[in-house]
């Protein structure tokens, strides 16, 4: 087993939600998270809900936290469409982490290389571009061309190996290694283990890439994330991710109501 090397302090932490959360709840959660000391707020992207719109809600009530979307699938968005949405929403490029993934496109490497190059020309230079990755080739590509690499559905041991791939890609291009971040699913309180098992079960069979990823990891269902009753247990589990990541991003697993969302944000706060 690889030994973890401490790469971040335990206070640098993001919080992420699923796109499409009610705007009022998104604003309440965003304001609360900035108070709690989260350094960044994140949304994924869904077929029926654009993650950039959720960032717009966060931006309306925060002034310091970075804003990240991860990942915008390139089979649903062209670089021109992404740039137009960023402009329409008035998102501050200095606060923005823009994550892209190949989605359902074939020839993943070529698609992401082209998209990142185009986004560099379309967006202000302060905008930081991330590549979503789980497997070796995409991790190395992110290391070679991106400002960050966004991992997903990994245990700390797999994160440590993926981070090595990112650093290999950067070294091959003679550039500093980009930031490595990862979503970490977190559920708290009654039903926490059930919520994690359900979410993980969906992703284990969502496509062939995810099926291969989970099979290679060999982890039992319901173990790739954190399900806990108390804040102390959440923080203990997050420490394993801080040891191998620049930025763990707590992905909230909760009912879509203010009390449930806030419970996870409070339990995982820096």
Protein backbone atom coordinates (compact mmCIF):
# COMPACT_ATOMS: atom_id res chain seq x y z
CA UNK A 1 0.00 0.00 0.00
CA UNK A 2 1.29 3.48 -0.88
CA UNK A 3 2.05 5.79 2.00
CA UNK A 4 0.08 9.03 2.05
CA UNK A 5 2.04 12.26 1.89
CA UNK A 6 0.44 15.29 3.52
CA UNK A 7 -0.21 17.79 0.76
CA UNK A 8 -2.84 20.15 2.22
CA UNK A 9 -3.87 21.59 5.54
CA UNK A 10 -7.10 20.37 7.07
CA UNK A 11 -8.90 23.69 6.64
CA UNK A 12 -8.89 23.90 2.85
CA UNK A 13 -12.15 22.31 1.88
CA UNK A 14 -14.90 22.77 -0.69
CA UNK A 15 -18.56 21.85 -0.59
CA UNK A 16 -20.49 20.60 -3.60
CA UNK A 17 -24.13 19.97 -4.39
CA UNK A 18 -26.15 18.54 -7.25
CA UNK A 19 -27.16 21.09 -9.89
CA UNK A 20 -30.77 22.22 -9.87
CA UNK A 21 -31.17 22.80 -6.14
CA UNK A 22 -33.93 25.31 -5.44
CA UNK A 23 -32.33 28.78 -5.82
CA UNK A 24 -33.41 29.92 -2.35
CA UNK A 25 -31.87 26.84 -0.75
CA UNK A 26 -28.70 27.21 -2.83
CA UNK A 27 -28.31 30.79 -1.63
CA UNK A 28 -28.93 29.90 1.99
CA UNK A 29 -26.42 27.06 1.79
CA UNK A 30 -23.82 29.17 0.00
CA UNK A 31 -23.98 31.95 2.57
CA UNK A 32 -23.79 29.43 5.42
CA UNK A 33 -20.77 27.67 3.91
CA UNK A 34 -18.83 30.91 3.51
CA UNK A 35 -19.53 31.64 7.19
CA UNK A 36 -18.27 28.16 8.11
CA UNK A 37 -14.98 28.72 6.29
CA UNK A 38 -15.34 26.58 3.17
CA UNK A 39 -12.92 27.99 0.62
CA UNK A 40 -14.95 26.96 -2.42
CA UNK A 41 -18.50 26.03 -3.48
CA UNK A 42 -19.18 23.54 -6.25
CA UNK A 43 -21.94 22.13 -8.41
CA UNK A 44 -21.99 19.22 -10.78
CA UNK A 45 -23.99 19.42 -14.02
CA UNK A 46 -27.17 17.51 -14.80
CA UNK A 47 -29.07 16.97 -18.09
CA UNK A 48 -32.00 18.98 -16.71
CA UNK A 49 -30.00 21.54 -14.70
CA UNK A 50 -26.91 23.53 -15.65
CA UNK A 51 -24.25 23.62 -12.97
CA UNK A 52 -23.24 27.14 -13.95
CA UNK A 53 -26.70 28.38 -12.98
CA UNK A 54 -26.15 26.98 -9.49
CA UNK A 55 -22.83 28.82 -9.30
CA UNK A 56 -24.74 31.97 -10.16
CA UNK A 57 -26.85 31.46 -7.03
CA UNK A 58 -23.72 30.96 -4.91
CA UNK A 59 -22.10 34.04 -6.42
CA UNK A 60 -25.07 36.18 -5.43
CA UNK A 61 -24.52 35.59 -1.70
CA UNK A 62 -20.75 35.10 -1.35
CA UNK A 63 -17.76 37.33 -1.85
CA UNK A 64 -14.70 35.27 -0.96
CA UNK A 65 -15.28 31.59 -1.77
CA UNK A 66 -14.15 30.24 -5.11
CA UNK A 67 -16.87 28.85 -7.37
CA UNK A 68 -16.41 25.56 -9.19
CA UNK A 69 -18.40 23.47 -11.62
CA UNK A 70 -17.43 19.92 -12.32
CA UNK A 71 -17.83 18.66 -14.71
CA UNK A 72 -19.49 20.12 -17.78
CA UNK A 73 -19.74 17.21 -20.26
CA UNK A 74 -18.50 18.11 -23.71
CA UNK A 75 -21.20 16.08 -25.45
CA UNK A 76 -23.73 18.59 -24.04
CA UNK A 77 -21.73 21.83 -24.21
CA UNK A 78 -19.38 23.33 -26.77
CA UNK A 79 -16.61 25.64 -25.53
CA UNK A 80 -18.46 28.56 -27.13
CA UNK A 81 -21.64 27.72 -25.22
CA UNK A 82 -19.71 27.41 -21.95
CA UNK A 83 -18.04 30.79 -22.45
CA UNK A 84 -21.37 32.40 -23.32
CA UNK A 85 -23.00 31.05 -20.14
CA UNK A 86 -20.13 32.26 -17.97
CA UNK A 87 -20.51 35.71 -19.52
CA UNK A 88 -24.32 35.71 -19.20
CA UNK A 89 -24.14 34.88 -15.50
CA UNK A 90 -21.42 37.45 -14.84
CA UNK A 91 -19.26 34.94 -12.95
CA UNK A 92 -16.01 36.43 -11.66
CA UNK A 93 -13.20 34.69 -13.58
CA UNK A 94 -10.81 35.16 -10.67
CA UNK A 95 -13.10 33.00 -8.49
CA UNK A 96 -14.04 30.42 -11.13
CA UNK A 97 -12.93 26.81 -11.47
CA UNK A 98 -14.35 25.49 -14.72
CA UNK A 99 -14.32 21.69 -14.91
CA UNK A 100 -14.86 19.86 -18.19
CA UNK A 101 -15.18 16.17 -18.99
CA UNK A 102 -15.53 14.19 -22.20
CA UNK A 103 -18.97 12.87 -21.26
CA UNK A 104 -20.24 10.48 -23.93
CA UNK A 105 -17.84 11.67 -26.64
CA UNK A 106 -15.50 9.16 -28.28
CA UNK A 107 -11.75 9.86 -28.42
CA UNK A 108 -11.77 11.41 -24.95
CA UNK A 109 -8.19 12.67 -25.01
CA UNK A 110 -8.59 14.56 -28.30
CA UNK A 111 -11.94 16.04 -27.25
CA UNK A 112 -10.63 17.40 -23.97
CA UNK A 113 -7.39 18.70 -25.47
CA UNK A 114 -9.33 20.67 -28.08
CA UNK A 115 -11.87 21.98 -25.58
CA UNK A 116 -9.26 23.19 -23.09
CA UNK A 117 -7.33 24.95 -25.85
CA UNK A 118 -10.50 26.65 -27.12
CA UNK A 119 -11.62 27.69 -23.64
CA UNK A 120 -8.22 29.32 -23.07
CA UNK A 121 -8.91 31.61 -26.02
CA UNK A 122 -12.57 32.30 -25.13
CA UNK A 123 -12.36 32.99 -21.39
CA UNK A 124 -10.44 35.58 -19.36
CA UNK A 125 -6.99 34.36 -18.45
CA UNK A 126 -7.82 34.33 -14.72
CA UNK A 127 -10.29 31.48 -15.29
CA UNK A 128 -8.91 28.19 -14.04
CA UNK A 129 -9.74 25.14 -16.12
CA UNK A 130 -10.02 21.66 -14.63
CA UNK A 131 -10.10 18.28 -16.32
CA UNK A 132 -12.37 15.63 -14.82
CA UNK A 133 -10.53 12.33 -14.64
CA UNK A 134 -10.52 8.91 -13.02
CA UNK A 135 -8.20 6.76 -15.14
CA UNK A 136 -4.45 7.11 -15.89
CA UNK A 137 -4.53 8.71 -19.36
CA UNK A 138 -6.96 11.46 -18.41
CA UNK A 139 -5.13 12.15 -15.13
CA UNK A 140 -1.86 12.54 -17.03
CA UNK A 141 -3.59 14.75 -19.61
CA UNK A 142 -4.93 16.99 -16.84
CA UNK A 143 -1.44 17.24 -15.41
CA UNK A 144 -0.14 18.28 -18.83
CA UNK A 145 -2.68 20.94 -19.81
CA UNK A 146 -5.00 21.99 -16.97
CA UNK A 147 -4.96 24.21 -13.89
CA UNK A 148 -6.53 21.43 -11.89
CA UNK A 149 -7.68 17.82 -12.05
CA UNK A 150 -11.00 16.81 -10.54
CA UNK A 151 -11.19 13.22 -9.33
CA UNK A 152 -14.33 11.35 -8.35
CA UNK A 153 -15.41 8.19 -6.52
CA UNK A 154 -12.07 7.21 -5.02
CA UNK A 155 -10.73 6.07 -1.68
CA UNK A 156 -7.60 7.84 -0.39
CA UNK A 157 -5.32 5.09 -1.69
CA UNK A 158 -6.67 5.48 -5.23
CA UNK A 159 -6.47 9.27 -4.92
CA UNK A 160 -2.78 8.98 -4.06
CA UNK A 161 -2.13 6.91 -7.19
CA UNK A 162 -4.17 9.26 -9.39
CA UNK A 163 -2.21 12.20 -8.02
CA UNK A 164 0.99 10.45 -9.12
CA UNK A 165 -0.42 10.17 -12.65
CA UNK A 166 -1.26 13.89 -12.63
CA UNK A 167 2.28 14.73 -11.54
CA UNK A 168 3.73 12.46 -14.23
CA UNK A 169 1.75 14.31 -16.89
CA UNK A 170 2.96 17.67 -15.61
CA UNK A 171 6.58 16.52 -15.41
CA UNK A 172 6.50 15.29 -19.01
CA UNK A 173 5.57 18.83 -20.08
CA UNK A 174 8.06 20.49 -17.74
CA UNK A 175 5.33 22.43 -15.91
CA UNK A 176 4.29 22.71 -12.26
CA UNK A 177 1.75 20.13 -11.20
CA UNK A 178 -1.81 21.48 -11.11
CA UNK A 179 -4.04 21.31 -8.07
CA UNK A 180 -5.65 17.90 -7.47
CA UNK A 181 -9.18 17.95 -6.07
CA UNK A 182 -11.74 15.23 -5.54
CA UNK A 183 -15.39 14.92 -4.69
CA UNK A 184 -15.93 13.02 -1.45
CA UNK A 185 -19.54 11.97 -0.81
CA UNK A 186 -20.64 12.72 2.74
CA UNK A 187 -23.87 11.70 4.46
CA UNK A 188 -24.63 12.27 8.14
CA UNK A 189 -27.23 11.27 10.68
CA UNK A 190 -30.00 8.65 10.42
CA UNK A 191 -29.99 6.89 7.06
CA UNK A 192 -26.48 8.05 6.19
CA UNK A 193 -25.22 4.61 5.15
CA UNK A 194 -28.35 4.01 3.06
CA UNK A 195 -27.89 7.30 1.20
CA UNK A 196 -24.25 6.54 0.42
CA UNK A 197 -25.04 2.99 -0.75
CA UNK A 198 -27.82 4.27 -3.00
CA UNK A 199 -25.74 7.03 -4.60
CA UNK A 200 -22.75 4.77 -5.08
CA UNK A 201 -24.94 2.00 -6.47
CA UNK A 202 -26.27 4.33 -9.16
CA UNK A 203 -22.79 5.40 -10.26
CA UNK A 204 -21.38 1.86 -10.21
CA UNK A 205 -23.56 1.00 -13.20
CA UNK A 206 -24.09 4.37 -14.87
CA UNK A 207 -21.76 3.57 -17.78
CA UNK A 208 -18.96 1.22 -18.80
CA UNK A 209 -16.23 3.61 -17.65
CA UNK A 210 -17.63 3.72 -14.13
CA UNK A 211 -18.17 -0.05 -14.09
CA UNK A 212 -14.49 -0.57 -14.92
CA UNK A 213 -13.40 2.02 -12.37
CA UNK A 214 -15.28 0.45 -9.46
CA UNK A 215 -14.29 -3.06 -10.49
CA UNK A 216 -10.61 -2.06 -10.51
CA UNK A 217 -10.95 -0.44 -7.09
CA UNK A 218 -12.52 -3.55 -5.58
CA UNK A 219 -14.22 -1.63 -2.76
CA UNK A 220 -17.47 -2.95 -1.26
CA UNK A 221 -20.68 -1.09 -1.98
CA UNK A 222 -21.22 1.83 0.38
CA UNK A 223 -17.57 2.33 1.28
CA UNK A 224 -16.44 4.96 -1.26
CA UNK A 225 -17.34 8.04 0.74
CA UNK A 226 -18.25 8.94 4.29
CA UNK A 227 -21.38 7.96 6.21
CA UNK A 228 -21.29 8.99 9.85
CA UNK A 229 -23.44 9.96 12.79
CA UNK A 230 -21.17 12.58 14.35
CA UNK A 231 -18.97 15.46 13.21
CA UNK A 232 -15.90 13.89 14.81
CA UNK A 233 -16.27 10.79 12.64
CA UNK A 234 -16.71 12.90 9.50
CA UNK A 235 -13.55 14.88 10.25
CA UNK A 236 -11.56 11.74 11.02
CA UNK A 237 -12.55 10.25 7.66
CA UNK A 238 -11.84 13.48 5.77
CA UNK A 239 -8.32 13.53 7.23
CA UNK A 240 -7.44 10.58 5.00
CA UNK A 241 -8.36 12.63 1.93
CA UNK A 242 -6.51 15.73 3.13
CA UNK A 243 -3.39 13.59 3.35
CA UNK A 244 -3.39 12.98 -0.42
CA UNK A 245 -5.25 15.98 -1.88
CA UNK A 246 -4.86 19.70 -2.25
CA UNK A 247 -8.65 20.08 -2.09
CA UNK A 248 -11.27 17.61 -0.87
CA UNK A 249 -14.75 18.69 -1.98
CA UNK A 250 -17.54 17.45 0.28
CA UNK A 251 -20.38 16.29 -1.99
CA UNK A 252 -23.55 16.55 0.04
CA UNK A 253 -25.77 13.48 0.24
CA UNK A 254 -28.95 14.73 1.88
CA UNK A 255 -32.58 15.46 1.30
CA UNK A 256 -33.21 18.74 -0.53
CA UNK A 257 -34.32 20.75 2.47
CA UNK A 258 -32.50 23.39 4.45
CA UNK A 259 -32.11 21.31 7.60
CA UNK A 260 -30.64 18.25 5.84
CA UNK A 261 -28.26 20.30 3.68
CA UNK A 262 -27.07 22.35 6.60
CA UNK A 263 -26.47 19.24 8.71
CA UNK A 264 -23.86 17.95 6.25
CA UNK A 265 -22.28 21.39 5.76
CA UNK A 266 -21.97 21.86 9.52
CA UNK A 267 -20.63 18.36 10.16
CA UNK A 268 -17.91 18.61 7.51
CA UNK A 269 -16.98 22.27 8.04
CA UNK A 270 -13.26 23.15 8.29
